[in-house]
């Protein structure tokens, strides 16, 4: 299980946030981290994880996808990846909007306590 610290560099020669990596859009399998093959979502229709909205009629679809993520052994890895890459869809049991809120909390400047 990897820690969910997505905004640091992945290696000594890489800038923070995974900015030095290509997403590998020309060959998505080449860019897939090894943990993906162990995902509970493997073999399930991918459409389930890509709802057309995050409200209204899409809510049951999102809940179903999150249920699968909830029983996944690599959900922490998946969430960490999604926080770095910010893909669309449900990843690590979160929507893109939920991940944006998490990222905002992680990068928000810390104000020292006065005292």
PDB file of N, CA and C in Angstrom:
ATOM      1  N   UNK A   1       0.847  -1.171   0.000  1.00  0.00           N
ATOM      2  CA  UNK A   1       0.000   0.000   0.000  1.00  0.00           C
ATOM      3  C   UNK A   1       0.898   1.242   0.000  1.00  0.00           C
ATOM      4  N   UNK A   2       0.668   2.141  -0.939  1.00  0.00           N
ATOM      5  CA  UNK A   2       1.487   3.336  -1.001  1.00  0.00           C
ATOM      6  C   UNK A   2       0.814   4.475  -0.247  1.00  0.00           C
ATOM      7  N   UNK A   3       1.600   5.388   0.314  1.00  0.00           N
ATOM      8  CA  UNK A   3       1.004   6.528   1.000  1.00  0.00           C
ATOM      9  C   UNK A   3       0.343   7.445  -0.021  1.00  0.00           C
ATOM     10  N   UNK A   4      -0.678   8.153   0.414  1.00  0.00           N
ATOM     11  CA  UNK A   4      -1.360   9.079  -0.482  1.00  0.00           C
ATOM     12  C   UNK A   4      -0.712  10.449  -0.318  1.00  0.00           C
ATOM     13  N   UNK A   5       0.443  10.581  -0.942  1.00  0.00           N
ATOM     14  CA  UNK A   5       1.183  11.833  -0.957  1.00  0.00           C
ATOM     15  C   UNK A   5       1.495  12.159  -2.412  1.00  0.00           C
ATOM     16  N   UNK A   6       0.510  12.608  -3.158  1.00  0.00           N
ATOM     17  CA  UNK A   6       0.645  12.690  -4.598  1.00  0.00           C
ATOM     18  C   UNK A   6       1.426  13.880  -5.114  1.00  0.00           C
ATOM     19  N   UNK A   7       1.728  14.846  -4.288  1.00  0.00           N
ATOM     20  CA  UNK A   7       2.279  16.067  -4.836  1.00  0.00           C
ATOM     21  C   UNK A   7       3.795  16.155  -4.759  1.00  0.00           C
ATOM     22  N   UNK A   8       4.437  15.155  -4.225  1.00  0.00           N
ATOM     23  CA  UNK A   8       5.890  15.134  -4.188  1.00  0.00           C
ATOM     24  C   UNK A   8       6.445  14.450  -5.410  1.00  0.00           C
ATOM     25  N   UNK A   9       7.744  14.552  -5.645  1.00  0.00           N
ATOM     26  CA  UNK A   9       8.334  13.866  -6.798  1.00  0.00           C
ATOM     27  C   UNK A   9       8.316  12.359  -6.593  1.00  0.00           C
ATOM     28  N   UNK A  10       8.197  11.618  -7.693  1.00  0.00           N
ATOM     29  CA  UNK A  10       8.225  10.165  -7.620  1.00  0.00           C
ATOM     30  C   UNK A  10       9.636   9.627  -7.637  1.00  0.00           C
ATOM     31  N   UNK A  11      10.568  10.417  -8.049  1.00  0.00           N
ATOM     32  CA  UNK A  11      11.955   9.994  -8.120  1.00  0.00           C
ATOM     33  C   UNK A  11      12.870  11.194  -7.951  1.00  0.00           C
ATOM     34  N   UNK A  12      14.184  10.969  -7.777  1.00  0.00           N
ATOM     35  CA  UNK A  12      15.094  12.071  -7.509  1.00  0.00           C
ATOM     36  C   UNK A  12      15.224  13.051  -8.677  1.00  0.00           C
ATOM     37  N   UNK A  13      14.941  12.615  -9.896  1.00  0.00           N
ATOM     38  CA  UNK A  13      15.078  13.491 -11.054  1.00  0.00           C
ATOM     39  C   UNK A  13      13.745  13.990 -11.588  1.00  0.00           C
ATOM     40  N   UNK A  14      12.686  13.814 -10.831  1.00  0.00           N
ATOM     41  CA  UNK A  14      11.362  14.184 -11.310  1.00  0.00           C
ATOM     42  C   UNK A  14      10.805  15.358 -10.517  1.00  0.00           C
ATOM     43  N   UNK A  15      10.173  16.318 -11.206  1.00  0.00           N
ATOM     44  CA  UNK A  15       9.559  17.428 -10.479  1.00  0.00           C
ATOM     45  C   UNK A  15       8.329  16.966  -9.709  1.00  0.00           C
ATOM     46  N   UNK A  16       7.886  17.740  -8.705  1.00  0.00           N
ATOM     47  CA  UNK A  16       6.710  17.357  -7.930  1.00  0.00           C
ATOM     48  C   UNK A  16       5.465  17.230  -8.805  1.00  0.00           C
ATOM     49  N   UNK A  17       4.538  16.398  -8.359  1.00  0.00           N
ATOM     50  CA  UNK A  17       3.247  16.280  -9.020  1.00  0.00           C
ATOM     51  C   UNK A  17       3.231  15.436 -10.266  1.00  0.00           C
ATOM     52  N   UNK A  18       4.287  14.714 -10.546  1.00  0.00           N
ATOM     53  CA  UNK A  18       4.307  13.859 -11.719  1.00  0.00           C
ATOM     54  C   UNK A  18       4.368  14.624 -13.025  1.00  0.00           C
ATOM     55  N   UNK A  19       4.817  15.870 -12.983  1.00  0.00           N
ATOM     56  CA  UNK A  19       4.813  16.709 -14.170  1.00  0.00           C
ATOM     57  C   UNK A  19       5.853  16.291 -15.190  1.00  0.00           C
ATOM     58  N   UNK A  20       6.822  15.515 -14.798  1.00  0.00           N
ATOM     59  CA  UNK A  20       7.862  15.109 -15.722  1.00  0.00           C
ATOM     60  C   UNK A  20       7.509  13.874 -16.516  1.00  0.00           C
ATOM     61  N   UNK A  21       6.362  13.265 -16.215  1.00  0.00           N
ATOM     62  CA  UNK A  21       5.957  12.033 -16.874  1.00  0.00           C
ATOM     63  C   UNK A  21       4.996  12.300 -17.995  1.00  0.00           C
ATOM     64  N   UNK A  22       5.124  11.524 -19.045  1.00  0.00           N
ATOM     65  CA  UNK A  22       4.134  11.533 -20.111  1.00  0.00           C
ATOM     66  C   UNK A  22       3.006  10.622 -19.684  1.00  0.00           C
ATOM     67  N   UNK A  23       1.790  11.008 -19.993  1.00  0.00           N
ATOM     68  CA  UNK A  23       0.641  10.170 -19.640  1.00  0.00           C
ATOM     69  C   UNK A  23       0.585   8.920 -20.505  1.00  0.00           C
ATOM     70  N   UNK A  24       1.364   8.867 -21.564  1.00  0.00           N
ATOM     71  CA  UNK A  24       1.394   7.684 -22.404  1.00  0.00           C
ATOM     72  C   UNK A  24       0.104   7.485 -23.177  1.00  0.00           C
ATOM     73  N   UNK A  25      -0.502   8.567 -23.642  1.00  0.00           N
ATOM     74  CA  UNK A  25      -1.780   8.467 -24.314  1.00  0.00           C
ATOM     75  C   UNK A  25      -1.697   7.672 -25.608  1.00  0.00           C
ATOM     76  N   UNK A  26      -0.516   7.596 -26.220  1.00  0.00           N
ATOM     77  CA  UNK A  26      -0.380   6.826 -27.440  1.00  0.00           C
ATOM     78  C   UNK A  26      -0.418   5.327 -27.155  1.00  0.00           C
ATOM     79  N   UNK A  27      -0.059   4.916 -25.961  1.00  0.00           N
ATOM     80  CA  UNK A  27      -0.079   3.510 -25.563  1.00  0.00           C
ATOM     81  C   UNK A  27      -0.443   3.434 -24.086  1.00  0.00           C
ATOM     82  N   UNK A  28      -1.744   3.398 -23.756  1.00  0.00           N
ATOM     83  CA  UNK A  28      -2.147   3.434 -22.348  1.00  0.00           C
ATOM     84  C   UNK A  28      -1.652   2.261 -21.530  1.00  0.00           C
ATOM     85  N   UNK A  29      -1.399   1.108 -22.149  1.00  0.00           N
ATOM     86  CA  UNK A  29      -0.914  -0.048 -21.390  1.00  0.00           C
ATOM     87  C   UNK A  29       0.519   0.151 -20.937  1.00  0.00           C
ATOM     88  N   UNK A  30       1.323   0.825 -21.743  1.00  0.00           N
ATOM     89  CA  UNK A  30       2.701   1.087 -21.370  1.00  0.00           C
ATOM     90  C   UNK A  30       2.759   1.980 -20.139  1.00  0.00           C
ATOM     91  N   UNK A  31       1.828   2.904 -20.013  1.00  0.00           N
ATOM     92  CA  UNK A  31       1.843   3.859 -18.908  1.00  0.00           C
ATOM     93  C   UNK A  31       1.154   3.319 -17.657  1.00  0.00           C
ATOM     94  N   UNK A  32       0.516   2.165 -17.726  1.00  0.00           N
ATOM     95  CA  UNK A  32      -0.228   1.639 -16.592  1.00  0.00           C
ATOM     96  C   UNK A  32       0.702   1.137 -15.497  1.00  0.00           C
ATOM     97  N   UNK A  33       0.540   1.672 -14.292  1.00  0.00           N
ATOM     98  CA  UNK A  33       1.308   1.141 -13.170  1.00  0.00           C
ATOM     99  C   UNK A  33       0.920  -0.307 -12.895  1.00  0.00           C
ATOM    100  N   UNK A  34       1.832  -1.083 -12.333  1.00  0.00           N
ATOM    101  CA  UNK A  34       1.611  -2.498 -12.075  1.00  0.00           C
ATOM    102  C   UNK A  34       0.432  -2.805 -11.178  1.00  0.00           C
ATOM    103  N   UNK A  35       0.064  -1.900 -10.290  1.00  0.00           N
ATOM    104  CA  UNK A  35      -1.031  -2.159  -9.369  1.00  0.00           C
ATOM    105  C   UNK A  35      -2.377  -2.245 -10.084  1.00  0.00           C
ATOM    106  N   UNK A  36      -2.479  -1.662 -11.270  1.00  0.00           N
ATOM    107  CA  UNK A  36      -3.771  -1.626 -11.966  1.00  0.00           C
ATOM    108  C   UNK A  36      -4.314  -3.013 -12.281  1.00  0.00           C
ATOM    109  N   UNK A  37      -3.433  -3.962 -12.511  1.00  0.00           N
ATOM    110  CA  UNK A  37      -3.895  -5.317 -12.850  1.00  0.00           C
ATOM    111  C   UNK A  37      -4.545  -6.010 -11.655  1.00  0.00           C
ATOM    112  N   UNK A  38      -4.337  -5.490 -10.449  1.00  0.00           N
ATOM    113  CA  UNK A  38      -4.924  -6.072  -9.245  1.00  0.00           C
ATOM    114  C   UNK A  38      -6.201  -5.356  -8.812  1.00  0.00           C
ATOM    115  N   UNK A  39      -6.627  -4.365  -9.586  1.00  0.00           N
ATOM    116  CA  UNK A  39      -7.800  -3.579  -9.233  1.00  0.00           C
ATOM    117  C   UNK A  39      -9.094  -4.374  -9.287  1.00  0.00           C
ATOM    118  N   UNK A  40      -9.993  -4.096  -8.353  1.00  0.00           N
ATOM    119  CA  UNK A  40     -11.304  -4.748  -8.335  1.00  0.00           C
ATOM    120  C   UNK A  40     -12.120  -4.390  -9.570  1.00  0.00           C
ATOM    121  N   UNK A  41     -11.756  -3.313 -10.234  1.00  0.00           N
ATOM    122  CA  UNK A  41     -12.478  -2.866 -11.422  1.00  0.00           C
ATOM    123  C   UNK A  41     -12.064  -3.625 -12.683  1.00  0.00           C
ATOM    124  N   UNK A  42     -10.997  -4.354 -12.597  1.00  0.00           N
ATOM    125  CA  UNK A  42     -10.510  -5.089 -13.775  1.00  0.00           C
ATOM    126  C   UNK A  42     -11.574  -6.086 -14.235  1.00  0.00           C
ATOM    127  N   UNK A  43     -11.910  -6.014 -15.509  1.00  0.00           N
ATOM    128  CA  UNK A  43     -12.908  -6.913 -16.075  1.00  0.00           C
ATOM    129  C   UNK A  43     -14.331  -6.388 -15.995  1.00  0.00           C
ATOM    130  N   UNK A  44     -14.523  -5.263 -15.321  1.00  0.00           N
ATOM    131  CA  UNK A  44     -15.855  -4.656 -15.222  1.00  0.00           C
ATOM    132  C   UNK A  44     -15.968  -3.608 -16.331  1.00  0.00           C
ATOM    133  N   UNK A  45     -17.164  -3.446 -16.866  1.00  0.00           N
ATOM    134  CA  UNK A  45     -17.391  -2.471 -17.931  1.00  0.00           C
ATOM    135  C   UNK A  45     -16.873  -1.098 -17.499  1.00  0.00           C
ATOM    136  N   UNK A  46     -15.893  -0.545 -18.214  1.00  0.00           N
ATOM    137  CA  UNK A  46     -15.316   0.746 -17.837  1.00  0.00           C
ATOM    138  C   UNK A  46     -16.327   1.891 -17.810  1.00  0.00           C
ATOM    139  N   UNK A  47     -17.403   1.759 -18.570  1.00  0.00           N
ATOM    140  CA  UNK A  47     -18.421   2.817 -18.592  1.00  0.00           C
ATOM    141  C   UNK A  47     -18.962   3.117 -17.194  1.00  0.00           C
ATOM    142  N   UNK A  48     -18.976   2.122 -16.330  1.00  0.00           N
ATOM    143  CA  UNK A  48     -19.466   2.319 -14.973  1.00  0.00           C
ATOM    144  C   UNK A  48     -18.670   3.406 -14.258  1.00  0.00           C
ATOM    145  N   UNK A  49     -17.387   3.497 -14.542  1.00  0.00           N
ATOM    146  CA  UNK A  49     -16.496   4.411 -13.828  1.00  0.00           C
ATOM    147  C   UNK A  49     -16.386   5.789 -14.471  1.00  0.00           C
ATOM    148  N   UNK A  50     -17.174   6.019 -15.529  1.00  0.00           N
ATOM    149  CA  UNK A  50     -17.132   7.302 -16.219  1.00  0.00           C
ATOM    150  C   UNK A  50     -18.544   7.851 -16.420  1.00  0.00           C
ATOM    151  N   UNK A  51     -19.181   8.274 -15.313  1.00  0.00           N
ATOM    152  CA  UNK A  51     -20.534   8.825 -15.405  1.00  0.00           C
ATOM    153  C   UNK A  51     -20.523  10.154 -16.176  1.00  0.00           C
ATOM    154  N   UNK A  52     -21.676  10.497 -16.757  1.00  0.00           N
ATOM    155  CA  UNK A  52     -21.734  11.726 -17.546  1.00  0.00           C
ATOM    156  C   UNK A  52     -21.845  12.974 -16.675  1.00  0.00           C
ATOM    157  N   UNK A  53     -22.220  12.819 -15.420  1.00  0.00           N
ATOM    158  CA  UNK A  53     -22.251  13.943 -14.488  1.00  0.00           C
ATOM    159  C   UNK A  53     -22.033  13.399 -13.078  1.00  0.00           C
ATOM    160  N   UNK A  54     -21.988  14.292 -12.105  1.00  0.00           N
ATOM    161  CA  UNK A  54     -21.792  13.843 -10.725  1.00  0.00           C
ATOM    162  C   UNK A  54     -23.046  14.042  -9.877  1.00  0.00           C
ATOM    163  N   UNK A  55     -24.142  14.400 -10.529  1.00  0.00           N
ATOM    164  CA  UNK A  55     -25.402  14.611  -9.812  1.00  0.00           C
ATOM    165  C   UNK A  55     -26.547  13.950 -10.575  1.00  0.00           C
ATOM    166  N   UNK A  56     -27.719  14.018  -9.991  1.00  0.00           N
ATOM    167  CA  UNK A  56     -28.929  13.557 -10.662  1.00  0.00           C
ATOM    168  C   UNK A  56     -28.929  12.076 -10.961  1.00  0.00           C
ATOM    169  N   UNK A  57     -29.266  11.732 -12.195  1.00  0.00           N
ATOM    170  CA  UNK A  57     -29.405  10.329 -12.593  1.00  0.00           C
ATOM    171  C   UNK A  57     -28.094   9.558 -12.540  1.00  0.00           C
ATOM    172  N   UNK A  58     -26.967  10.239 -12.501  1.00  0.00           N
ATOM    173  CA  UNK A  58     -25.666   9.563 -12.449  1.00  0.00           C
ATOM    174  C   UNK A  58     -25.298   9.098 -11.044  1.00  0.00           C
ATOM    175  N   UNK A  59     -26.009   9.567 -10.035  1.00  0.00           N
ATOM    176  CA  UNK A  59     -25.669   9.226  -8.655  1.00  0.00           C
ATOM    177  C   UNK A  59     -25.658   7.717  -8.388  1.00  0.00           C
ATOM    178  N   UNK A  60     -26.647   6.937  -8.839  1.00  0.00           N
ATOM    179  CA  UNK A  60     -26.571   5.479  -8.605  1.00  0.00           C
ATOM    180  C   UNK A  60     -25.360   4.836  -9.299  1.00  0.00           C
ATOM    181  N   UNK A  61     -25.002   5.335 -10.460  1.00  0.00           N
ATOM    182  CA  UNK A  61     -23.829   4.817 -11.172  1.00  0.00           C
ATOM    183  C   UNK A  61     -22.560   5.113 -10.387  1.00  0.00           C
ATOM    184  N   UNK A  62     -22.449   6.310  -9.868  1.00  0.00           N
ATOM    185  CA  UNK A  62     -21.281   6.694  -9.061  1.00  0.00           C
ATOM    186  C   UNK A  62     -21.217   5.836  -7.801  1.00  0.00           C
ATOM    187  N   UNK A  63     -22.356   5.641  -7.155  1.00  0.00           N
ATOM    188  CA  UNK A  63     -22.397   4.813  -5.946  1.00  0.00           C
ATOM    189  C   UNK A  63     -21.964   3.376  -6.242  1.00  0.00           C
ATOM    190  N   UNK A  64     -22.395   2.840  -7.381  1.00  0.00           N
ATOM    191  CA  UNK A  64     -22.013   1.475  -7.756  1.00  0.00           C
ATOM    192  C   UNK A  64     -20.509   1.382  -8.001  1.00  0.00           C
ATOM    193  N   UNK A  65     -19.945   2.375  -8.677  1.00  0.00           N
ATOM    194  CA  UNK A  65     -18.500   2.378  -8.926  1.00  0.00           C
ATOM    195  C   UNK A  65     -17.733   2.486  -7.608  1.00  0.00           C
ATOM    196  N   UNK A  66     -18.197   3.366  -6.724  1.00  0.00           N
ATOM    197  CA  UNK A  66     -17.528   3.539  -5.433  1.00  0.00           C
ATOM    198  C   UNK A  66     -17.620   2.278  -4.568  1.00  0.00           C
ATOM    199  N   UNK A  67     -18.697   1.524  -4.717  1.00  0.00           N
ATOM    200  CA  UNK A  67     -18.829   0.262  -3.987  1.00  0.00           C
ATOM    201  C   UNK A  67     -17.740  -0.711  -4.417  1.00  0.00           C
ATOM    202  N   UNK A  68     -17.478  -0.772  -5.706  1.00  0.00           N
ATOM    203  CA  UNK A  68     -16.409  -1.635  -6.211  1.00  0.00           C
ATOM    204  C   UNK A  68     -15.062  -1.144  -5.687  1.00  0.00           C
ATOM    205  N   UNK A  69     -14.836   0.155  -5.718  1.00  0.00           N
ATOM    206  CA  UNK A  69     -13.589   0.718  -5.197  1.00  0.00           C
ATOM    207  C   UNK A  69     -13.431   0.407  -3.704  1.00  0.00           C
ATOM    208  N   UNK A  70     -14.540   0.384  -2.984  1.00  0.00           N
ATOM    209  CA  UNK A  70     -14.506   0.137  -1.549  1.00  0.00           C
ATOM    210  C   UNK A  70     -13.997  -1.237  -1.167  1.00  0.00           C
ATOM    211  N   UNK A  71     -14.082  -2.185  -2.076  1.00  0.00           N
ATOM    212  CA  UNK A  71     -13.582  -3.532  -1.775  1.00  0.00           C
ATOM    213  C   UNK A  71     -12.262  -3.827  -2.488  1.00  0.00           C
ATOM    214  N   UNK A  72     -11.653  -2.816  -3.042  1.00  0.00           N
ATOM    215  CA  UNK A  72     -10.439  -2.983  -3.840  1.00  0.00           C
ATOM    216  C   UNK A  72      -9.183  -2.948  -2.969  1.00  0.00           C
ATOM    217  N   UNK A  73      -8.257  -3.862  -3.251  1.00  0.00           N
ATOM    218  CA  UNK A  73      -7.017  -3.936  -2.475  1.00  0.00           C
ATOM    219  C   UNK A  73      -5.994  -2.879  -2.883  1.00  0.00           C
ATOM    220  N   UNK A  74      -6.203  -2.224  -4.009  1.00  0.00           N
ATOM    221  CA  UNK A  74      -5.239  -1.212  -4.468  1.00  0.00           C
ATOM    222  C   UNK A  74      -5.860   0.181  -4.533  1.00  0.00           C
ATOM    223  N   UNK A  75      -6.927   0.405  -3.771  1.00  0.00           N
ATOM    224  CA  UNK A  75      -7.609   1.701  -3.839  1.00  0.00           C
ATOM    225  C   UNK A  75      -6.713   2.860  -3.403  1.00  0.00           C
ATOM    226  N   UNK A  76      -5.807   2.641  -2.446  1.00  0.00           N
ATOM    227  CA  UNK A  76      -4.888   3.715  -2.044  1.00  0.00           C
ATOM    228  C   UNK A  76      -3.934   4.072  -3.184  1.00  0.00           C
ATOM    229  N   UNK A  77      -3.425   3.044  -3.875  1.00  0.00           N
ATOM    230  CA  UNK A  77      -2.552   3.300  -5.026  1.00  0.00           C
ATOM    231  C   UNK A  77      -3.314   4.038  -6.120  1.00  0.00           C
ATOM    232  N   UNK A  78      -4.543   3.606  -6.344  1.00  0.00           N
ATOM    233  CA  UNK A  78      -5.386   4.199  -7.368  1.00  0.00           C
ATOM    234  C   UNK A  78      -5.667   5.668  -7.044  1.00  0.00           C
ATOM    235  N   UNK A  79      -5.999   5.954  -5.807  1.00  0.00           N
ATOM    236  CA  UNK A  79      -6.271   7.327  -5.410  1.00  0.00           C
ATOM    237  C   UNK A  79      -5.021   8.186  -5.521  1.00  0.00           C
ATOM    238  N   UNK A  80      -3.891   7.669  -5.100  1.00  0.00           N
ATOM    239  CA  UNK A  80      -2.642   8.411  -5.203  1.00  0.00           C
ATOM    240  C   UNK A  80      -2.338   8.754  -6.665  1.00  0.00           C
ATOM    241  N   UNK A  81      -2.499   7.774  -7.536  1.00  0.00           N
ATOM    242  CA  UNK A  81      -2.301   7.978  -8.975  1.00  0.00           C
ATOM    243  C   UNK A  81      -3.266   9.052  -9.490  1.00  0.00           C
ATOM    244  N   UNK A  82      -4.529   8.934  -9.114  1.00  0.00           N
ATOM    245  CA  UNK A  82      -5.535   9.869  -9.603  1.00  0.00           C
ATOM    246  C   UNK A  82      -5.303  11.291  -9.092  1.00  0.00           C
ATOM    247  N   UNK A  83      -4.772  11.412  -7.893  1.00  0.00           N
ATOM    248  CA  UNK A  83      -4.467  12.749  -7.378  1.00  0.00           C
ATOM    249  C   UNK A  83      -3.307  13.390  -8.136  1.00  0.00           C
ATOM    250  N   UNK A  84      -2.386  12.577  -8.631  1.00  0.00           N
ATOM    251  CA  UNK A  84      -1.276  13.105  -9.431  1.00  0.00           C
ATOM    252  C   UNK A  84      -1.714  13.449 -10.848  1.00  0.00           C
ATOM    253  N   UNK A  85      -2.453  12.550 -11.473  1.00  0.00           N
ATOM    254  CA  UNK A  85      -2.767  12.658 -12.894  1.00  0.00           C
ATOM    255  C   UNK A  85      -4.074  13.412 -13.145  1.00  0.00           C
ATOM    256  N   UNK A  86      -5.016  13.329 -12.221  1.00  0.00           N
ATOM    257  CA  UNK A  86      -6.332  13.959 -12.302  1.00  0.00           C
ATOM    258  C   UNK A  86      -7.126  13.538 -13.540  1.00  0.00           C
ATOM    259  N   UNK A  87      -7.277  12.219 -13.753  1.00  0.00           N
ATOM    260  CA  UNK A  87      -8.094  11.767 -14.877  1.00  0.00           C
ATOM    261  C   UNK A  87      -9.583  11.964 -14.593  1.00  0.00           C
ATOM    262  N   UNK A  88     -10.383  11.886 -15.621  1.00  0.00           N
ATOM    263  CA  UNK A  88     -11.830  11.898 -15.436  1.00  0.00           C
ATOM    264  C   UNK A  88     -12.263  10.566 -14.845  1.00  0.00           C
ATOM    265  N   UNK A  89     -13.471  10.527 -14.319  1.00  0.00           N
ATOM    266  CA  UNK A  89     -14.030   9.271 -13.839  1.00  0.00           C
ATOM    267  C   UNK A  89     -13.786   9.016 -12.366  1.00  0.00           C
ATOM    268  N   UNK A  90     -14.212   7.832 -11.959  1.00  0.00           N
ATOM    269  CA  UNK A  90     -14.075   7.391 -10.567  1.00  0.00           C
ATOM    270  C   UNK A  90     -12.756   6.643 -10.446  1.00  0.00           C
ATOM    271  N   UNK A  91     -11.895   7.117  -9.563  1.00  0.00           N
ATOM    272  CA  UNK A  91     -10.590   6.496  -9.301  1.00  0.00           C
ATOM    273  C   UNK A  91     -10.390   6.505  -7.800  1.00  0.00           C
ATOM    274  N   UNK A  92      -9.997   5.386  -7.233  1.00  0.00           N
ATOM    275  CA  UNK A  92      -9.759   5.326  -5.792  1.00  0.00           C
ATOM    276  C   UNK A  92     -10.983   5.680  -4.977  1.00  0.00           C
ATOM    277  N   UNK A  93     -12.166   5.441  -5.535  1.00  0.00           N
ATOM    278  CA  UNK A  93     -13.400   5.722  -4.814  1.00  0.00           C
ATOM    279  C   UNK A  93     -13.784   7.186  -4.766  1.00  0.00           C
ATOM    280  N   UNK A  94     -13.203   7.993  -5.661  1.00  0.00           N
ATOM    281  CA  UNK A  94     -13.508   9.424  -5.667  1.00  0.00           C
ATOM    282  C   UNK A  94     -13.834   9.901  -7.076  1.00  0.00           C
ATOM    283  N   UNK A  95     -14.639  10.957  -7.141  1.00  0.00           N
ATOM    284  CA  UNK A  95     -14.910  11.617  -8.414  1.00  0.00           C
ATOM    285  C   UNK A  95     -13.797  12.637  -8.670  1.00  0.00           C
ATOM    286  N   UNK A  96     -13.717  13.125  -9.878  1.00  0.00           N
ATOM    287  CA  UNK A  96     -12.735  14.152 -10.211  1.00  0.00           C
ATOM    288  C   UNK A  96     -12.915  15.375  -9.297  1.00  0.00           C
ATOM    289  N   UNK A  97     -14.162  15.739  -9.031  1.00  0.00           N
ATOM    290  CA  UNK A  97     -14.438  16.901  -8.181  1.00  0.00           C
ATOM    291  C   UNK A  97     -13.966  16.668  -6.748  1.00  0.00           C
ATOM    292  N   UNK A  98     -14.169  15.460  -6.239  1.00  0.00           N
ATOM    293  CA  UNK A  98     -13.695  15.142  -4.889  1.00  0.00           C
ATOM    294  C   UNK A  98     -12.170  15.183  -4.825  1.00  0.00           C
ATOM    295  N   UNK A  99     -11.510  14.693  -5.874  1.00  0.00           N
ATOM    296  CA  UNK A  99     -10.043  14.738  -5.902  1.00  0.00           C
ATOM    297  C   UNK A  99      -9.538  16.167  -5.998  1.00  0.00           C
ATOM    298  N   UNK A 100     -10.235  17.006  -6.731  1.00  0.00           N
ATOM    299  CA  UNK A 100      -9.836  18.413  -6.821  1.00  0.00           C
ATOM    300  C   UNK A 100      -9.890  19.069  -5.437  1.00  0.00           C
ATOM    301  N   UNK A 101     -10.917  18.733  -4.672  1.00  0.00           N
ATOM    302  CA  UNK A 101     -11.023  19.280  -3.312  1.00  0.00           C
ATOM    303  C   UNK A 101      -9.891  18.776  -2.425  1.00  0.00           C
ATOM    304  N   UNK A 102      -9.536  17.500  -2.552  1.00  0.00           N
ATOM    305  CA  UNK A 102      -8.425  16.940  -1.774  1.00  0.00           C
ATOM    306  C   UNK A 102      -7.127  17.630  -2.158  1.00  0.00           C
ATOM    307  N   UNK A 103      -6.886  17.781  -3.447  1.00  0.00           N
ATOM    308  CA  UNK A 103      -5.659  18.462  -3.899  1.00  0.00           C
ATOM    309  C   UNK A 103      -5.596  19.884  -3.365  1.00  0.00           C
ATOM    310  N   UNK A 104      -6.738  20.551  -3.371  1.00  0.00           N
ATOM    311  CA  UNK A 104      -6.786  21.925  -2.862  1.00  0.00           C
ATOM    312  C   UNK A 104      -6.371  21.951  -1.384  1.00  0.00           C
ATOM    313  N   UNK A 105      -6.837  20.983  -0.612  1.00  0.00           N
ATOM    314  CA  UNK A 105      -6.473  20.899   0.807  1.00  0.00           C
ATOM    315  C   UNK A 105      -4.977  20.601   0.977  1.00  0.00           C
ATOM    316  N   UNK A 106      -4.431  19.753   0.093  1.00  0.00           N
ATOM    317  CA  UNK A 106      -3.024  19.366   0.203  1.00  0.00           C
ATOM    318  C   UNK A 106      -2.067  20.490  -0.173  1.00  0.00           C
ATOM    319  N   UNK A 107      -2.472  21.335  -1.090  1.00  0.00           N
ATOM    320  CA  UNK A 107      -1.564  22.388  -1.552  1.00  0.00           C
ATOM    321  C   UNK A 107      -1.854  23.745  -0.930  1.00  0.00           C
ATOM    322  N   UNK A 108      -2.901  23.822  -0.136  1.00  0.00           N
ATOM    323  CA  UNK A 108      -3.239  25.083   0.515  1.00  0.00           C
ATOM    324  C   UNK A 108      -2.091  25.502   1.429  1.00  0.00           C
ATOM    325  N   UNK A 109      -1.644  26.749   1.315  1.00  0.00           N
ATOM    326  CA  UNK A 109      -0.534  27.183   2.177  1.00  0.00           C
ATOM    327  C   UNK A 109      -0.926  27.110   3.650  1.00  0.00           C
ATOM    328  N   UNK A 110      -0.020  26.643   4.427  1.00  0.00           N
ATOM    329  CA  UNK A 110      -0.269  26.546   5.868  1.00  0.00           C
ATOM    330  C   UNK A 110       0.103  27.880   6.528  1.00  0.00           C
ATOM    331  N   UNK A 111      -0.820  28.383   7.297  1.00  0.00           N
ATOM    332  CA  UNK A 111      -0.600  29.634   8.016  1.00  0.00           C
ATOM    333  C   UNK A 111      -0.119  29.297   9.405  1.00  0.00           C
ATOM    334  N   UNK A 112       1.064  29.792   9.778  1.00  0.00           N
ATOM    335  CA  UNK A 112       1.559  29.486  11.133  1.00  0.00           C
ATOM    336  C   UNK A 112       0.648  30.083  12.203  1.00  0.00           C
ATOM    337  N   UNK A 113       0.493  29.355  13.283  1.00  0.00           N
ATOM    338  CA  UNK A 113      -0.328  29.831  14.393  1.00  0.00           C
ATOM    339  C   UNK A 113       0.375  30.988  15.083  1.00  0.00           C
ATOM    340  N   UNK A 114      -0.421  31.987  15.408  1.00  0.00           N
ATOM    341  CA  UNK A 114       0.150  33.130  16.125  1.00  0.00           C
ATOM    342  C   UNK A 114       0.229  32.800  17.599  1.00  0.00           C
ATOM    343  N   UNK A 115       1.262  33.300  18.175  1.00  0.00           N
ATOM    344  CA  UNK A 115       1.323  33.008  19.595  1.00  0.00           C
ATOM    345  C   UNK A 115       2.477  33.493  20.231  1.00  0.00           C
TER     346      UNK A 115
END
